[in-house]
Amino acid sequence: MKARTLVQAVCSHADLRPNVRAVVDNKGIHTFRDVWRDACICAAALRRLGLTDSSRVVMECSQDERFLAVNLACQMTGGIFVGVERRVAPDRLKEIVNQTEASVLLTRKDCGEASARALTMKEFDTLFESILENGADDACSAGREMVSRIDPEHIAEILFSTGTTGRSKGVMLTNRANVANAQNIIAGTCMAEGSVELMPLPLNHAHGLRTCYAHLLNGSTVLIANGITFPRMLLEMMEKYGANAIDLTPSAAEMLMKTAGERLHAYASNIEYIEVGAAFLPESTKEKLRECFPCSRLYNCYGSSESGRTCYLEFNDGKTLPGSIGRPVPNAHFAVIGPDGKPMDSDMAHTGLLASAGPMNMSGYWKEPELTRQTLWEGYVLTADLSYIDADGYVYVLGRADDVINYKGIKISPEEIEEVAAGCTMVSDCACVPMEDELAGQVPKLFVVPSDGVEYSESELFGYLKEHIDDNRMPRMIERIDAIPRTYNGKILRKELLKS
């Protein structure tokens, strides 16, 4: 039987393969039987705290199995899970609690006055242990009764994401959407039953959380690490538990390859696949990954909080497709939307805005009907990505429509200029934005962070760029800057640079 919800999948795995590792975190191994039991106990704890159908539970990310267990417990009880970042600012936490009208709040420390029933994680752990000792069997029996009553169309979670626009948006996702997202990841990576994937990304963000969902659905193993600050600990975790897959952002991939050195190269033959997503993946980073993992399947995945991972590109198969994000995964269908707001035939010379349809799409934004109306159209989630689809079904993204530079009618991707500039030894980091021009409409402007220990010369950098970039794509201005503003996963905050 195919699982219609993630909880149903975990329950089934707990019955059929109870001792298989489901989650490994800093506390150790959690089998599928453990995850199922913990979810049932968390569900019992939430009911004691007064959780009712559609009540919101806000939880600060603990980056471990307990975070997933509370998430699953919300699905079991008909609640709605709202994960927030670890060490979230008090004002930000209060804003989300008030915005969602949460019934329960679980945090790492006392948050003072709160409109929700607030517990520290230590207090929740005490409640958990009490039920574990005195009512675990009853909790699991109740859990089995709840599984059959879970509505796949019920809102399971609200993911808050600001992306690069700075606006806080609560993305509502159903149980069905979470399963469809997990199926897309399984298909996109060709995930096997024996996959053991290292996942060092934050669990409160869509990318990391959905990787865990994929393994819970698939019956395989996810290794949850707390970031990549200490690569030695990551490698030890990989070696100890036999990791054969890794999930990374582009910046995390760069850091891991730079800091792990020979030890990572020595382990590379054990890696079946690596998926990289959540931000633009430069061609230079792809090449480094190919060199480090020559025998692994290397995937660049495209997606969003609103639609999940909808497109995968395997970039270690000998094909060279610069600018492509690959082909859609089974649950996803793409269209390119023209200026008239309708699907259009597209190619390199005829681009439009990318839109995705499928069961993995969000239901809307929490209490944002107008924003929902602007984003959801006839089953599609509309994006701001300027794109086209070629005759072979490969999707190409030039960049966000607001970021793409329109020079005399020529569409210039800022990433292609950044790719070239990043190859210069004088450049540590860079970002390209459009600059208004009276004659051309827009021209490229490049912000540069000079490399330490290398003498920087703007004229020499211009000379370097001229050797690698066509005249009509050359930056007209270069501005030196101390740091490029970025999100947690490395996305450039171009709107911040446009204010400069």
Foldseek 3Di string as FASTA:
>chain_A
DADQFLLSLLVVCCVVPVQAFQEQEPVGTAGSVRLLLLLLLLLVLVVVLPDAAQAEEEEEFPLGSNLVSNLSSCLLRNYAYAYDYAPDDLVVVQVVCVLRVHAEYEDQDDSPDHSHNYDYVVRSVVSSVVCVVPPSVVSSVSSVVSSVVRDQARFRYWQWDCQLVNDTWTFTFGRNLLVVLLQLVCQQQVDALAAEEEQQDTCSHQQSVSPSSNSSSSNYYYYGHPHCPDLVVVLVVCVVVVHQEYEAEQVSLVVNCVPVDPSLLVCLVSHAEYEYEPADHFPVSVVSCCVSNVRHFYWYFDDDSFQHTFAIDGPNPPDDDPQWNHAGGDFKDKFFAAPVRHGDADDPLRKHWIKIAGSNGTPATRVCVVVRVVQDDPRIGTAQWIWHADPVRIIGTLGGVQFFEQFQNDTHRFSVLQSQLCPDQQFPGKTWGWDQDPPGRTAIEMEGETDPPDDDDPVVSQVSSPVPDDPSNRGPYYHYDNDFDADPSGYGSVVVVVVD
